């Protein structure tokens, strides 16, 4: 009886390992996203009223690729990717190489 149980358990274990491996490799492929370029960013102004602290700057060339230095505007303020309802600026932007 024990021999039959072990013989039946080995193929089941192989199938389970295959399924787990397939899900793990698919998750890593989905986490790879292409880098996006943008012509605008947000800087954080702590002295502005709540809801208006993330101020949009246009005419900049930034990317979310982490191979470059942090993207700044002409006043040397760090620029961020998104504004969360004007309250917080999130997502670091980097200078885009031309």
PDB file of N, CA and C in Angstrom:
ATOM      1  N   UNK A   1       0.821  -1.193   0.000  1.00  0.00           N
ATOM      2  CA  UNK A   1       0.000   0.000   0.000  1.00  0.00           C
ATOM      3  C   UNK A   1       0.862   1.253   0.000  1.00  0.00           C
ATOM      4  N   UNK A   2       1.923   1.263   0.838  1.00  0.00           N
ATOM      5  CA  UNK A   2       2.799   2.427   0.889  1.00  0.00           C
ATOM      6  C   UNK A   2       3.504   2.639  -0.458  1.00  0.00           C
ATOM      7  N   UNK A   3       3.871   1.588  -1.122  1.00  0.00           N
ATOM      8  CA  UNK A   3       4.557   1.684  -2.404  1.00  0.00           C
ATOM      9  C   UNK A   3       3.643   2.314  -3.449  1.00  0.00           C
ATOM     10  N   UNK A   4       2.391   1.934  -3.487  1.00  0.00           N
ATOM     11  CA  UNK A   4       1.445   2.508  -4.441  1.00  0.00           C
ATOM     12  C   UNK A   4       1.206   3.988  -4.153  1.00  0.00           C
ATOM     13  N   UNK A   5       1.155   4.346  -2.888  1.00  0.00           N
ATOM     14  CA  UNK A   5       0.941   5.738  -2.510  1.00  0.00           C
ATOM     15  C   UNK A   5       2.115   6.604  -2.969  1.00  0.00           C
ATOM     16  N   UNK A   6       3.356   6.122  -2.758  1.00  0.00           N
ATOM     17  CA  UNK A   6       4.540   6.864  -3.178  1.00  0.00           C
ATOM     18  C   UNK A   6       4.589   6.993  -4.700  1.00  0.00           C
ATOM     19  N   UNK A   7       4.215   5.936  -5.407  1.00  0.00           N
ATOM     20  CA  UNK A   7       4.230   5.983  -6.869  1.00  0.00           C
ATOM     21  C   UNK A   7       3.199   6.977  -7.402  1.00  0.00           C
ATOM     22  N   UNK A   8       2.079   7.114  -6.708  1.00  0.00           N
ATOM     23  CA  UNK A   8       1.051   8.061  -7.141  1.00  0.00           C
ATOM     24  C   UNK A   8       1.408   9.487  -6.751  1.00  0.00           C
ATOM     25  N   UNK A   9       2.171   9.653  -5.676  1.00  0.00           N
ATOM     26  CA  UNK A   9       2.514  10.974  -5.181  1.00  0.00           C
ATOM     27  C   UNK A   9       3.599  11.659  -6.019  1.00  0.00           C
ATOM     28  N   UNK A  10       4.512  10.919  -6.597  1.00  0.00           N
ATOM     29  CA  UNK A  10       5.610  11.504  -7.373  1.00  0.00           C
ATOM     30  C   UNK A  10       5.091  12.258  -8.609  1.00  0.00           C
ATOM     31  N   UNK A  11       4.233  11.703  -9.447  1.00  0.00           N
ATOM     32  CA  UNK A  11       3.731  12.485 -10.589  1.00  0.00           C
ATOM     33  C   UNK A  11       2.935  13.721 -10.158  1.00  0.00           C
ATOM     34  N   UNK A  12       2.205  13.611  -9.066  1.00  0.00           N
ATOM     35  CA  UNK A  12       1.452  14.755  -8.558  1.00  0.00           C
ATOM     36  C   UNK A  12       2.412  15.877  -8.146  1.00  0.00           C
ATOM     37  N   UNK A  13       3.508  15.524  -7.492  1.00  0.00           N
ATOM     38  CA  UNK A  13       4.503  16.512  -7.081  1.00  0.00           C
ATOM     39  C   UNK A  13       5.153  17.203  -8.271  1.00  0.00           C
ATOM     40  N   UNK A  14       5.427  16.437  -9.317  1.00  0.00           N
ATOM     41  CA  UNK A  14       6.017  17.008 -10.532  1.00  0.00           C
ATOM     42  C   UNK A  14       5.053  18.001 -11.179  1.00  0.00           C
ATOM     43  N   UNK A  15       3.787  17.669 -11.223  1.00  0.00           N
ATOM     44  CA  UNK A  15       2.773  18.564 -11.803  1.00  0.00           C
ATOM     45  C   UNK A  15       2.668  19.850 -10.982  1.00  0.00           C
ATOM     46  N   UNK A  16       2.652  19.718  -9.660  1.00  0.00           N
ATOM     47  CA  UNK A  16       2.558  20.894  -8.794  1.00  0.00           C
ATOM     48  C   UNK A  16       3.774  21.810  -9.004  1.00  0.00           C
ATOM     49  N   UNK A  17       4.972  21.238  -9.071  1.00  0.00           N
ATOM     50  CA  UNK A  17       6.168  22.048  -9.307  1.00  0.00           C
ATOM     51  C   UNK A  17       6.113  22.749 -10.664  1.00  0.00           C
ATOM     52  N   UNK A  18       5.590  22.085 -11.681  1.00  0.00           N
ATOM     53  CA  UNK A  18       5.459  22.700 -13.000  1.00  0.00           C
ATOM     54  C   UNK A  18       4.501  23.879 -12.994  1.00  0.00           C
ATOM     55  N   UNK A  19       3.371  23.716 -12.322  1.00  0.00           N
ATOM     56  CA  UNK A  19       2.392  24.802 -12.249  1.00  0.00           C
ATOM     57  C   UNK A  19       2.961  25.986 -11.478  1.00  0.00           C
ATOM     58  N   UNK A  20       3.620  25.739 -10.358  1.00  0.00           N
ATOM     59  CA  UNK A  20       4.218  26.813  -9.572  1.00  0.00           C
ATOM     60  C   UNK A  20       5.286  27.532 -10.391  1.00  0.00           C
ATOM     61  N   UNK A  21       6.095  26.805 -11.117  1.00  0.00           N
ATOM     62  CA  UNK A  21       7.121  27.421 -11.961  1.00  0.00           C
ATOM     63  C   UNK A  21       6.526  28.282 -13.057  1.00  0.00           C
ATOM     64  N   UNK A  22       5.420  27.836 -13.644  1.00  0.00           N
ATOM     65  CA  UNK A  22       4.769  28.618 -14.698  1.00  0.00           C
ATOM     66  C   UNK A  22       4.226  29.930 -14.142  1.00  0.00           C
ATOM     67  N   UNK A  23       3.597  29.894 -12.995  1.00  0.00           N
ATOM     68  CA  UNK A  23       3.084  31.123 -12.394  1.00  0.00           C
ATOM     69  C   UNK A  23       4.211  32.066 -11.995  1.00  0.00           C
ATOM     70  N   UNK A  24       5.300  31.528 -11.467  1.00  0.00           N
ATOM     71  CA  UNK A  24       6.419  32.368 -11.046  1.00  0.00           C
ATOM     72  C   UNK A  24       7.067  33.064 -12.240  1.00  0.00           C
ATOM     73  N   UNK A  25       7.255  32.354 -13.343  1.00  0.00           N
ATOM     74  CA  UNK A  25       7.883  32.984 -14.507  1.00  0.00           C
ATOM     75  C   UNK A  25       6.954  34.003 -15.153  1.00  0.00           C
ATOM     76  N   UNK A  26       5.652  33.768 -15.129  1.00  0.00           N
ATOM     77  CA  UNK A  26       4.700  34.723 -15.687  1.00  0.00           C
ATOM     78  C   UNK A  26       4.658  35.999 -14.853  1.00  0.00           C
ATOM     79  N   UNK A  27       4.760  35.888 -13.545  1.00  0.00           N
ATOM     80  CA  UNK A  27       4.739  37.062 -12.680  1.00  0.00           C
ATOM     81  C   UNK A  27       5.957  37.942 -12.931  1.00  0.00           C
ATOM     82  N   UNK A  28       7.118  37.341 -13.165  1.00  0.00           N
ATOM     83  CA  UNK A  28       8.310  38.147 -13.421  1.00  0.00           C
ATOM     84  C   UNK A  28       8.215  38.862 -14.757  1.00  0.00           C
ATOM     85  N   UNK A  29       7.601  38.256 -15.755  1.00  0.00           N
ATOM     86  CA  UNK A  29       7.426  38.915 -17.053  1.00  0.00           C
ATOM     87  C   UNK A  29       6.458  40.083 -16.945  1.00  0.00           C
ATOM     88  N   UNK A  30       5.426  39.945 -16.137  1.00  0.00           N
ATOM     89  CA  UNK A  30       4.438  41.003 -16.005  1.00  0.00           C
ATOM     90  C   UNK A  30       4.989  42.196 -15.235  1.00  0.00           C
ATOM     91  N   UNK A  31       5.987  41.980 -14.361  1.00  0.00           N
ATOM     92  CA  UNK A  31       6.531  43.088 -13.584  1.00  0.00           C
ATOM     93  C   UNK A  31       7.492  43.934 -14.405  1.00  0.00           C
ATOM     94  N   UNK A  32       7.981  43.412 -15.548  1.00  0.00           N
ATOM     95  CA  UNK A  32       8.850  44.186 -16.418  1.00  0.00           C
ATOM     96  C   UNK A  32       7.992  45.133 -17.232  1.00  0.00           C
ATOM     97  N   UNK A  33       8.177  46.438 -17.034  1.00  0.00           N
ATOM     98  CA  UNK A  33       7.382  47.404 -17.770  1.00  0.00           C
ATOM     99  C   UNK A  33       8.305  48.293 -18.567  1.00  0.00           C
ATOM    100  N   UNK A  34       7.881  48.766 -19.694  1.00  0.00           N
ATOM    101  CA  UNK A  34       8.735  49.668 -20.463  1.00  0.00           C
ATOM    102  C   UNK A  34       8.832  51.028 -19.780  1.00  0.00           C
ATOM    103  N   UNK A  35       9.940  51.687 -19.998  1.00  0.00           N
ATOM    104  CA  UNK A  35      10.122  53.012 -19.423  1.00  0.00           C
ATOM    105  C   UNK A  35       9.339  54.027 -20.236  1.00  0.00           C
ATOM    106  N   UNK A  36       8.774  54.994 -19.541  1.00  0.00           N
ATOM    107  CA  UNK A  36       7.964  56.007 -20.199  1.00  0.00           C
ATOM    108  C   UNK A  36       8.649  57.363 -20.117  1.00  0.00           C
ATOM    109  N   UNK A  37       8.626  58.079 -21.230  1.00  0.00           N
ATOM    110  CA  UNK A  37       9.134  59.444 -21.263  1.00  0.00           C
ATOM    111  C   UNK A  37       7.972  60.395 -21.017  1.00  0.00           C
ATOM    112  N   UNK A  38       8.278  61.549 -20.443  1.00  0.00           N
ATOM    113  CA  UNK A  38       7.243  62.536 -20.178  1.00  0.00           C
ATOM    114  C   UNK A  38       7.797  63.936 -20.405  1.00  0.00           C
ATOM    115  N   UNK A  39       6.918  64.867 -20.728  1.00  0.00           N
ATOM    116  CA  UNK A  39       7.324  66.262 -20.933  1.00  0.00           C
ATOM    117  C   UNK A  39       6.815  67.149 -19.807  1.00  0.00           C
ATOM    118  N   UNK A  40       6.359  66.538 -18.730  1.00  0.00           N
ATOM    119  CA  UNK A  40       5.925  67.307 -17.572  1.00  0.00           C
ATOM    120  C   UNK A  40       6.252  66.541 -16.289  1.00  0.00           C
ATOM    121  N   UNK A  41       6.272  67.270 -15.196  1.00  0.00           N
ATOM    122  CA  UNK A  41       6.519  66.675 -13.893  1.00  0.00           C
ATOM    123  C   UNK A  41       5.907  67.563 -12.825  1.00  0.00           C
ATOM    124  N   UNK A  42       5.970  67.121 -11.595  1.00  0.00           N
ATOM    125  CA  UNK A  42       5.405  67.871 -10.474  1.00  0.00           C
ATOM    126  C   UNK A  42       6.497  68.146  -9.455  1.00  0.00           C
ATOM    127  N   UNK A  43       6.513  69.334  -8.900  1.00  0.00           N
ATOM    128  CA  UNK A  43       7.381  69.603  -7.762  1.00  0.00           C
ATOM    129  C   UNK A  43       6.495  69.881  -6.547  1.00  0.00           C
ATOM    130  N   UNK A  44       7.040  69.635  -5.366  1.00  0.00           N
ATOM    131  CA  UNK A  44       6.269  69.768  -4.135  1.00  0.00           C
ATOM    132  C   UNK A  44       6.532  71.135  -3.514  1.00  0.00           C
ATOM    133  N   UNK A  45       5.462  71.910  -3.286  1.00  0.00           N
ATOM    134  CA  UNK A  45       5.548  73.229  -2.671  1.00  0.00           C
ATOM    135  C   UNK A  45       4.872  73.151  -1.307  1.00  0.00           C
ATOM    136  N   UNK A  46       5.660  72.996  -0.243  1.00  0.00           N
ATOM    137  CA  UNK A  46       5.128  72.808   1.108  1.00  0.00           C
ATOM    138  C   UNK A  46       4.393  74.039   1.628  1.00  0.00           C
ATOM    139  N   UNK A  47       4.685  75.216   1.090  1.00  0.00           N
ATOM    140  CA  UNK A  47       4.032  76.431   1.591  1.00  0.00           C
ATOM    141  C   UNK A  47       2.680  76.690   0.928  1.00  0.00           C
ATOM    142  N   UNK A  48       2.326  75.917  -0.075  1.00  0.00           N
ATOM    143  CA  UNK A  48       1.023  76.077  -0.747  1.00  0.00           C
ATOM    144  C   UNK A  48      -0.079  75.449   0.099  1.00  0.00           C
ATOM    145  N   UNK A  49      -1.331  75.852  -0.129  1.00  0.00           N
ATOM    146  CA  UNK A  49      -2.446  75.242   0.612  1.00  0.00           C
ATOM    147  C   UNK A  49      -2.580  73.752   0.287  1.00  0.00           C
ATOM    148  N   UNK A  50      -3.126  73.008   1.233  1.00  0.00           N
ATOM    149  CA  UNK A  50      -3.343  71.581   1.018  1.00  0.00           C
ATOM    150  C   UNK A  50      -4.220  71.400  -0.216  1.00  0.00           C
ATOM    151  N   UNK A  51      -3.854  70.454  -1.056  1.00  0.00           N
ATOM    152  CA  UNK A  51      -4.581  70.212  -2.295  1.00  0.00           C
ATOM    153  C   UNK A  51      -3.964  70.942  -3.479  1.00  0.00           C
ATOM    154  N   UNK A  52      -3.004  71.838  -3.210  1.00  0.00           N
ATOM    155  CA  UNK A  52      -2.332  72.567  -4.279  1.00  0.00           C
ATOM    156  C   UNK A  52      -0.811  72.488  -4.126  1.00  0.00           C
ATOM    157  N   UNK A  53      -0.335  71.546  -3.361  1.00  0.00           N
ATOM    158  CA  UNK A  53       1.103  71.472  -3.064  1.00  0.00           C
ATOM    159  C   UNK A  53       1.926  70.847  -4.178  1.00  0.00           C
ATOM    160  N   UNK A  54       1.322  70.029  -5.016  1.00  0.00           N
ATOM    161  CA  UNK A  54       2.040  69.457  -6.159  1.00  0.00           C
ATOM    162  C   UNK A  54       1.765  70.335  -7.366  1.00  0.00           C
ATOM    163  N   UNK A  55       2.797  71.009  -7.820  1.00  0.00           N
ATOM    164  CA  UNK A  55       2.656  71.978  -8.900  1.00  0.00           C
ATOM    165  C   UNK A  55       3.249  71.387 -10.175  1.00  0.00           C
ATOM    166  N   UNK A  56       2.469  71.436 -11.270  1.00  0.00           N
ATOM    167  CA  UNK A  56       2.921  70.861 -12.530  1.00  0.00           C
ATOM    168  C   UNK A  56       3.881  71.809 -13.241  1.00  0.00           C
ATOM    169  N   UNK A  57       4.943  71.218 -13.786  1.00  0.00           N
ATOM    170  CA  UNK A  57       5.911  71.926 -14.619  1.00  0.00           C
ATOM    171  C   UNK A  57       5.879  71.252 -15.988  1.00  0.00           C
ATOM    172  N   UNK A  58       5.777  72.043 -17.041  1.00  0.00           N
ATOM    173  CA  UNK A  58       5.810  71.484 -18.394  1.00  0.00           C
ATOM    174  C   UNK A  58       7.123  71.866 -19.063  1.00  0.00           C
ATOM    175  N   UNK A  59       7.316  71.399 -20.236  1.00  0.00           N
ATOM    176  CA  UNK A  59       8.525  71.674 -21.025  1.00  0.00           C
ATOM    177  C   UNK A  59       9.791  71.127 -20.379  1.00  0.00           C
ATOM    178  N   UNK A  60       9.703  69.944 -19.802  1.00  0.00           N
ATOM    179  CA  UNK A  60      10.879  69.221 -19.325  1.00  0.00           C
ATOM    180  C   UNK A  60      10.885  67.878 -20.038  1.00  0.00           C
ATOM    181  N   UNK A  61      12.026  67.254 -20.132  1.00  0.00           N
ATOM    182  CA  UNK A  61      12.116  65.935 -20.746  1.00  0.00           C
ATOM    183  C   UNK A  61      12.680  64.976 -19.709  1.00  0.00           C
ATOM    184  N   UNK A  62      11.785  64.159 -19.150  1.00  0.00           N
ATOM    185  CA  UNK A  62      12.149  63.223 -18.091  1.00  0.00           C
ATOM    186  C   UNK A  62      11.706  61.820 -18.466  1.00  0.00           C
ATOM    187  N   UNK A  63      12.165  60.845 -17.694  1.00  0.00           N
ATOM    188  CA  UNK A  63      11.818  59.447 -17.899  1.00  0.00           C
ATOM    189  C   UNK A  63      11.749  58.763 -16.540  1.00  0.00           C
ATOM    190  N   UNK A  64      11.094  57.600 -16.490  1.00  0.00           N
ATOM    191  CA  UNK A  64      11.098  56.844 -15.240  1.00  0.00           C
ATOM    192  C   UNK A  64      12.174  55.758 -15.250  1.00  0.00           C
ATOM    193  N   UNK A  65      13.106  55.840 -16.213  1.00  0.00           N
ATOM    194  CA  UNK A  65      14.255  54.946 -16.261  1.00  0.00           C
ATOM    195  C   UNK A  65      15.254  55.351 -15.184  1.00  0.00           C
ATOM    196  N   UNK A  66      15.700  54.403 -14.375  1.00  0.00           N
ATOM    197  CA  UNK A  66      16.549  54.704 -13.225  1.00  0.00           C
ATOM    198  C   UNK A  66      18.036  54.771 -13.559  1.00  0.00           C
ATOM    199  N   UNK A  67      18.386  54.887 -14.817  1.00  0.00           N
ATOM    200  CA  UNK A  67      19.808  54.891 -15.179  1.00  0.00           C
ATOM    201  C   UNK A  67      20.397  56.292 -15.196  1.00  0.00           C
ATOM    202  N   UNK A  68      19.594  57.305 -15.043  1.00  0.00           N
ATOM    203  CA  UNK A  68      20.063  58.674 -15.135  1.00  0.00           C
ATOM    204  C   UNK A  68      19.984  59.378 -13.782  1.00  0.00           C
ATOM    205  N   UNK A  69      20.349  60.648 -13.765  1.00  0.00           N
ATOM    206  CA  UNK A  69      20.242  61.435 -12.544  1.00  0.00           C
ATOM    207  C   UNK A  69      18.809  61.935 -12.369  1.00  0.00           C
ATOM    208  N   UNK A  70      18.483  62.383 -11.190  1.00  0.00           N
ATOM    209  CA  UNK A  70      17.130  62.847 -10.868  1.00  0.00           C
ATOM    210  C   UNK A  70      16.774  64.046 -11.739  1.00  0.00           C
ATOM    211  N   UNK A  71      15.555  64.068 -12.241  1.00  0.00           N
ATOM    212  CA  UNK A  71      15.081  65.148 -13.104  1.00  0.00           C
ATOM    213  C   UNK A  71      14.717  66.369 -12.254  1.00  0.00           C
ATOM    214  N   UNK A  72      15.177  67.536 -12.702  1.00  0.00           N
ATOM    215  CA  UNK A  72      14.888  68.785 -12.003  1.00  0.00           C
ATOM    216  C   UNK A  72      14.413  69.826 -13.007  1.00  0.00           C
ATOM    217  N   UNK A  73      13.780  70.867 -12.500  1.00  0.00           N
ATOM    218  CA  UNK A  73      13.354  71.965 -13.378  1.00  0.00           C
ATOM    219  C   UNK A  73      14.452  73.027 -13.424  1.00  0.00           C
ATOM    220  N   UNK A  74      14.173  74.155 -14.059  1.00  0.00           N
ATOM    221  CA  UNK A  74      15.178  75.209 -14.203  1.00  0.00           C
ATOM    222  C   UNK A  74      15.572  75.830 -12.858  1.00  0.00           C
ATOM    223  N   UNK A  75      14.723  75.679 -11.837  1.00  0.00           N
ATOM    224  CA  UNK A  75      15.047  76.185 -10.493  1.00  0.00           C
ATOM    225  C   UNK A  75      15.694  75.118  -9.619  1.00  0.00           C
ATOM    226  N   UNK A  76      16.081  74.004 -10.238  1.00  0.00           N
ATOM    227  CA  UNK A  76      16.744  72.891  -9.566  1.00  0.00           C
ATOM    228  C   UNK A  76      15.865  72.208  -8.523  1.00  0.00           C
ATOM    229  N   UNK A  77      14.534  72.202  -8.731  1.00  0.00           N
ATOM    230  CA  UNK A  77      13.616  71.474  -7.844  1.00  0.00           C
ATOM    231  C   UNK A  77      13.407  70.074  -8.412  1.00  0.00           C
ATOM    232  N   UNK A  78      13.428  69.079  -7.537  1.00  0.00           N
ATOM    233  CA  UNK A  78      13.219  67.707  -7.973  1.00  0.00           C
ATOM    234  C   UNK A  78      11.805  67.537  -8.505  1.00  0.00           C
ATOM    235  N   UNK A  79      11.687  66.821  -9.631  1.00  0.00           N
ATOM    236  CA  UNK A  79      10.376  66.579 -10.240  1.00  0.00           C
ATOM    237  C   UNK A  79       9.915  65.154  -9.977  1.00  0.00           C
ATOM    238  N   UNK A  80       8.601  65.027  -9.805  1.00  0.00           N
ATOM    239  CA  UNK A  80       7.957  63.753  -9.497  1.00  0.00           C
ATOM    240  C   UNK A  80       7.013  63.371 -10.627  1.00  0.00           C
ATOM    241  N   UNK A  81       6.684  62.082 -10.694  1.00  0.00           N
ATOM    242  CA  UNK A  81       5.889  61.536 -11.790  1.00  0.00           C
ATOM    243  C   UNK A  81       4.419  61.901 -11.706  1.00  0.00           C
ATOM    244  N   UNK A  82       3.768  61.686 -10.591  1.00  0.00           N
ATOM    245  CA  UNK A  82       2.325  61.884 -10.502  1.00  0.00           C
ATOM    246  C   UNK A  82       1.953  62.753  -9.314  1.00  0.00           C
ATOM    247  N   UNK A  83       0.805  63.377  -9.458  1.00  0.00           N
ATOM    248  CA  UNK A  83       0.252  64.156  -8.364  1.00  0.00           C
ATOM    249  C   UNK A  83      -0.978  63.423  -7.859  1.00  0.00           C
ATOM    250  N   UNK A  84      -1.019  63.141  -6.567  1.00  0.00           N
ATOM    251  CA  UNK A  84      -2.162  62.470  -5.962  1.00  0.00           C
ATOM    252  C   UNK A  84      -3.126  63.533  -5.445  1.00  0.00           C
ATOM    253  N   UNK A  85      -4.003  64.030  -6.316  1.00  0.00           N
ATOM    254  CA  UNK A  85      -4.983  65.068  -5.977  1.00  0.00           C
ATOM    255  C   UNK A  85      -4.338  66.338  -5.439  1.00  0.00           C
ATOM    256  N   UNK A  86      -3.104  66.624  -5.874  1.00  0.00           N
ATOM    257  CA  UNK A  86      -2.432  67.832  -5.445  1.00  0.00           C
ATOM    258  C   UNK A  86      -1.874  67.772  -4.039  1.00  0.00           C
ATOM    259  N   UNK A  87      -2.031  66.650  -3.343  1.00  0.00           N
ATOM    260  CA  UNK A  87      -1.601  66.553  -1.954  1.00  0.00           C
ATOM    261  C   UNK A  87      -0.183  65.999  -1.858  1.00  0.00           C
ATOM    262  N   UNK A  88       0.101  64.917  -2.559  1.00  0.00           N
ATOM    263  CA  UNK A  88       1.437  64.318  -2.528  1.00  0.00           C
ATOM    264  C   UNK A  88       1.927  64.092  -3.949  1.00  0.00           C
ATOM    265  N   UNK A  89       3.231  64.194  -4.144  1.00  0.00           N
ATOM    266  CA  UNK A  89       3.870  63.924  -5.433  1.00  0.00           C
ATOM    267  C   UNK A  89       4.625  62.605  -5.278  1.00  0.00           C
ATOM    268  N   UNK A  90       4.378  61.656  -6.154  1.00  0.00           N
ATOM    269  CA  UNK A  90       4.996  60.342  -6.016  1.00  0.00           C
ATOM    270  C   UNK A  90       5.633  59.897  -7.320  1.00  0.00           C
ATOM    271  N   UNK A  91       6.614  59.045  -7.229  1.00  0.00           N
ATOM    272  CA  UNK A  91       7.281  58.478  -8.395  1.00  0.00           C
ATOM    273  C   UNK A  91       8.408  59.364  -8.889  1.00  0.00           C
ATOM    274  N   UNK A  92       9.637  58.990  -8.613  1.00  0.00           N
ATOM    275  CA  UNK A  92      10.791  59.792  -9.001  1.00  0.00           C
ATOM    276  C   UNK A  92      10.946  59.783 -10.517  1.00  0.00           C
ATOM    277  N   UNK A  93      11.236  60.942 -11.079  1.00  0.00           N
ATOM    278  CA  UNK A  93      11.550  61.077 -12.498  1.00  0.00           C
ATOM    279  C   UNK A  93      13.054  61.282 -12.656  1.00  0.00           C
ATOM    280  N   UNK A  94      13.594  60.852 -13.784  1.00  0.00           N
ATOM    281  CA  UNK A  94      15.022  60.970 -14.068  1.00  0.00           C
ATOM    282  C   UNK A  94      15.225  61.742 -15.355  1.00  0.00           C
ATOM    283  N   UNK A  95      16.381  62.393 -15.476  1.00  0.00           N
ATOM    284  CA  UNK A  95      16.689  63.153 -16.680  1.00  0.00           C
ATOM    285  C   UNK A  95      16.759  62.220 -17.872  1.00  0.00           C
ATOM    286  N   UNK A  96      16.208  62.666 -18.961  1.00  0.00           N
ATOM    287  CA  UNK A  96      16.207  61.882 -20.201  1.00  0.00           C
ATOM    288  C   UNK A  96      17.430  62.268 -21.014  1.00  0.00           C
ATOM    289  N   UNK A  97      18.213  61.267 -21.397  1.00  0.00           N
ATOM    290  CA  UNK A  97      19.354  61.527 -22.264  1.00  0.00           C
ATOM    291  C   UNK A  97      18.879  61.802 -23.675  1.00  0.00           C
ATOM    292  N   UNK A  98      19.435  62.808 -24.290  1.00  0.00           N
ATOM    293  CA  UNK A  98      19.053  63.155 -25.662  1.00  0.00           C
ATOM    294  C   UNK A  98      19.947  62.463 -26.661  1.00  0.00           C
TER     295      UNK A  98
END
